[in-house]
N, C-alpha and C. Protein backbone atom coordinates (compact mmCIF):
# COMPACT_ATOMS: atom_id res chain seq x y z
N MET A 1 3.76 28.86 0.54
CA MET A 1 2.65 28.42 0.99
C MET A 1 3.34 27.10 0.41
N GLN A 2 2.78 25.70 0.86
CA GLN A 2 3.23 24.66 0.55
C GLN A 2 1.84 23.60 0.27
N LYS A 3 1.96 23.75 -1.51
CA LYS A 3 0.58 22.48 -1.92
C LYS A 3 0.49 21.70 -2.87
N GLN A 4 -0.24 20.58 -2.66
CA GLN A 4 -0.53 19.34 -3.18
C GLN A 4 -1.23 19.32 -4.35
N VAL A 5 -1.63 18.84 -5.69
CA VAL A 5 -2.51 18.57 -6.09
C VAL A 5 -3.43 17.10 -5.67
N VAL A 6 -4.59 17.34 -5.37
CA VAL A 6 -4.86 15.91 -5.05
C VAL A 6 -5.84 15.45 -6.13
N GLU A 7 -5.57 14.06 -6.44
CA GLU A 7 -5.90 14.02 -7.74
C GLU A 7 -6.84 12.10 -7.01
N LEU A 8 -7.72 11.73 -7.36
CA LEU A 8 -8.74 10.52 -6.98
C LEU A 8 -9.08 9.90 -8.69
N ALA A 9 -8.79 8.84 -9.02
CA ALA A 9 -8.90 8.14 -10.51
C ALA A 9 -8.54 9.13 -11.25
N GLY A 10 -6.84 9.89 -11.35
CA GLY A 10 -6.51 10.31 -12.04
C GLY A 10 -7.26 11.80 -12.40
N GLU A 11 -8.76 12.06 -11.75
CA GLU A 11 -9.14 13.50 -12.10
C GLU A 11 -8.71 14.88 -10.24
N PRO A 12 -8.00 15.63 -10.49
CA PRO A 12 -7.91 16.67 -9.50
C PRO A 12 -9.21 17.11 -8.90
N VAL A 13 -8.92 16.50 -7.65
CA VAL A 13 -10.67 16.75 -7.32
C VAL A 13 -9.90 18.22 -6.15
N GLY A 14 -8.65 18.74 -5.46
CA GLY A 14 -8.33 19.80 -4.69
C GLY A 14 -7.31 19.66 -4.43
N ILE A 15 -6.78 20.61 -3.41
CA ILE A 15 -5.32 20.87 -3.09
C ILE A 15 -5.31 20.24 -1.96
N ALA A 16 -4.18 20.32 -1.25
CA ALA A 16 -3.93 19.84 0.43
C ALA A 16 -2.88 21.00 0.12
N ILE A 17 -2.89 21.93 1.25
CA ILE A 17 -2.09 22.77 1.64
C ILE A 17 -1.44 22.58 3.30
N ARG A 18 -0.34 22.41 3.66
CA ARG A 18 0.35 22.32 4.90
C ARG A 18 -0.43 23.45 6.00
N ASP A 19 -0.81 22.48 6.77
CA ASP A 19 -0.85 23.30 7.80
C ASP A 19 -0.17 22.78 9.05
N GLY A 20 0.61 23.53 9.64
CA GLY A 20 1.43 22.90 10.77
C GLY A 20 1.98 21.18 10.36
N GLU A 21 1.53 20.31 11.23
CA GLU A 21 2.37 18.92 10.83
C GLU A 21 0.80 18.12 10.07
N SER A 22 -0.18 19.06 9.66
CA SER A 22 -1.13 18.21 9.23
C SER A 22 -1.57 18.94 7.82
N LEU A 23 -2.52 18.35 6.85
CA LEU A 23 -2.91 19.12 5.25
C LEU A 23 -3.86 19.29 5.26
N ARG A 24 -4.34 20.73 5.03
CA ARG A 24 -5.77 21.34 5.04
C ARG A 24 -5.72 21.06 3.61
N PHE A 25 -7.66 20.40 3.21
CA PHE A 25 -7.96 20.13 1.92
C PHE A 25 -8.77 21.16 1.36
N LEU A 26 -8.75 21.34 0.43
CA LEU A 26 -9.68 22.47 -0.35
C LEU A 26 -10.07 21.66 -1.77
N ALA A 27 -11.15 21.32 -1.25
CA ALA A 27 -12.11 20.90 -2.68
C ALA A 27 -11.84 21.83 -4.19
N VAL A 28 -12.06 21.19 -5.02
CA VAL A 28 -12.55 22.11 -6.55
C VAL A 28 -13.50 21.16 -7.41
N LYS A 29 -13.73 20.21 -6.73
CA LYS A 29 -15.01 19.45 -7.55
C LYS A 29 -16.14 19.00 -6.66
N PHE A 30 -17.24 19.18 -6.98
CA PHE A 30 -18.38 19.36 -6.31
C PHE A 30 -18.56 17.64 -5.40
N HIS A 31 -18.13 17.12 -5.73
CA HIS A 31 -17.83 15.56 -4.90
C HIS A 31 -16.93 15.64 -4.16
N ALA A 32 -16.17 16.15 -3.69
CA ALA A 32 -15.58 16.51 -3.03
C ALA A 32 -15.51 17.43 -1.73
N MET A 33 -16.95 18.51 -1.95
CA MET A 33 -16.97 19.45 -1.31
C MET A 33 -17.51 19.37 -0.07
N GLY A 34 -17.40 17.71 0.69
CA GLY A 34 -18.58 17.34 1.78
C GLY A 34 -16.76 17.30 2.74
N VAL A 35 -15.92 17.53 2.05
CA VAL A 35 -14.30 16.89 3.29
C VAL A 35 -14.15 18.54 3.22
N ASP A 36 -14.08 19.62 2.31
CA ASP A 36 -13.75 20.82 2.04
C ASP A 36 -13.49 21.49 3.15
N GLY A 37 -11.86 21.82 3.36
CA GLY A 37 -11.46 22.58 4.67
C GLY A 37 -11.20 21.71 5.65
N GLN A 38 -11.87 20.71 5.91
CA GLN A 38 -11.25 19.72 7.20
C GLN A 38 -9.16 19.53 6.82
N VAL A 39 -9.28 18.72 7.96
CA VAL A 39 -7.50 19.06 7.84
C VAL A 39 -7.32 17.36 8.89
N PHE A 40 -6.75 16.94 8.09
CA PHE A 40 -5.89 15.52 7.50
C PHE A 40 -4.40 15.13 7.61
N PRO A 41 -4.08 14.00 8.27
CA PRO A 41 -3.04 13.78 8.69
C PRO A 41 -1.89 13.33 7.98
N SER A 42 -2.69 12.99 6.27
CA SER A 42 -1.65 12.77 5.40
C SER A 42 -2.78 13.05 4.22
N MET A 43 -1.85 12.57 3.00
CA MET A 43 -2.98 12.81 1.60
C MET A 43 -3.33 11.70 1.49
N ALA A 44 -2.67 10.34 2.05
CA ALA A 44 -3.74 8.38 2.22
C ALA A 44 -5.22 9.09 2.73
N ALA A 45 -5.06 10.00 3.55
CA ALA A 45 -6.03 9.84 4.71
C ALA A 45 -7.37 11.04 3.71
N ILE A 46 -6.39 12.00 3.33
CA ILE A 46 -7.45 13.12 2.18
C ILE A 46 -8.24 11.81 1.38
N LYS A 47 -7.72 11.22 0.72
CA LYS A 47 -8.01 10.32 -0.33
C LYS A 47 -9.12 9.19 -0.37
N ASN A 48 -8.50 8.47 1.14
CA ASN A 48 -9.27 7.81 1.46
C ASN A 48 -10.90 8.25 1.81
N ALA A 49 -10.76 9.71 2.55
CA ALA A 49 -12.01 10.49 3.32
C ALA A 49 -12.99 10.43 2.42
N ILE A 50 -12.13 11.13 0.47
CA ILE A 50 -13.11 11.65 -0.68
C ILE A 50 -13.59 10.33 -1.03
N SER A 51 -12.57 9.22 -1.31
CA SER A 51 -13.55 8.07 -1.88
C SER A 51 -14.55 7.74 -1.01
N GLN A 52 -14.57 7.41 0.41
CA GLN A 52 -15.74 6.87 1.30
C GLN A 52 -16.83 7.87 1.16
N LEU A 53 -16.73 9.14 1.06
CA LEU A 53 -17.94 10.03 0.44
C LEU A 53 -18.37 9.96 -0.64
N GLY A 54 -17.52 9.63 -1.75
CA GLY A 54 -17.98 8.92 -3.00
C GLY A 54 -18.91 7.80 -3.09
N ALA A 55 -18.31 6.63 -2.33
CA ALA A 55 -19.56 5.65 -1.94
C ALA A 55 -20.53 5.73 -0.78
N LEU A 56 -20.87 7.15 0.16
CA LEU A 56 -22.02 6.91 0.58
C LEU A 56 -22.62 7.77 -0.58
N HIS A 57 -22.28 8.92 -1.37
CA HIS A 57 -23.32 9.24 -2.49
C HIS A 57 -23.95 8.16 -3.16
N ARG A 58 -22.67 6.81 -3.84
CA ARG A 58 -23.60 5.87 -4.76
C ARG A 58 -24.65 5.36 -4.24
N ARG A 59 -24.44 5.13 -3.04
CA ARG A 59 -25.60 3.89 -2.07
C ARG A 59 -26.53 4.78 -1.95
N SER A 60 -26.28 6.43 -1.61
CA SER A 60 -27.77 6.51 -1.44
C SER A 60 -28.57 7.15 -2.98
N ALA A 61 -28.16 6.87 -3.89
CA ALA A 61 -28.66 7.12 -5.39
C ALA A 61 -29.11 5.97 -5.72
N ALA A 62 -28.93 4.95 -5.08
CA ALA A 62 -29.51 3.49 -5.85
C ALA A 62 -30.52 3.10 -5.04
């Protein structure tokens, strides 16, 4: 099983595991749980989804 650590702003937030031609994201930090288990085409797509999720949480907290 091939896996990669997913970091956002220097902080590990989960791992990406190869799932056929895609990557499945497994979260290890609470703020990334909204995309836990989802399949993405690339690491960039995973990081983008986590960033969008974080922005959504920041807006709703304001």
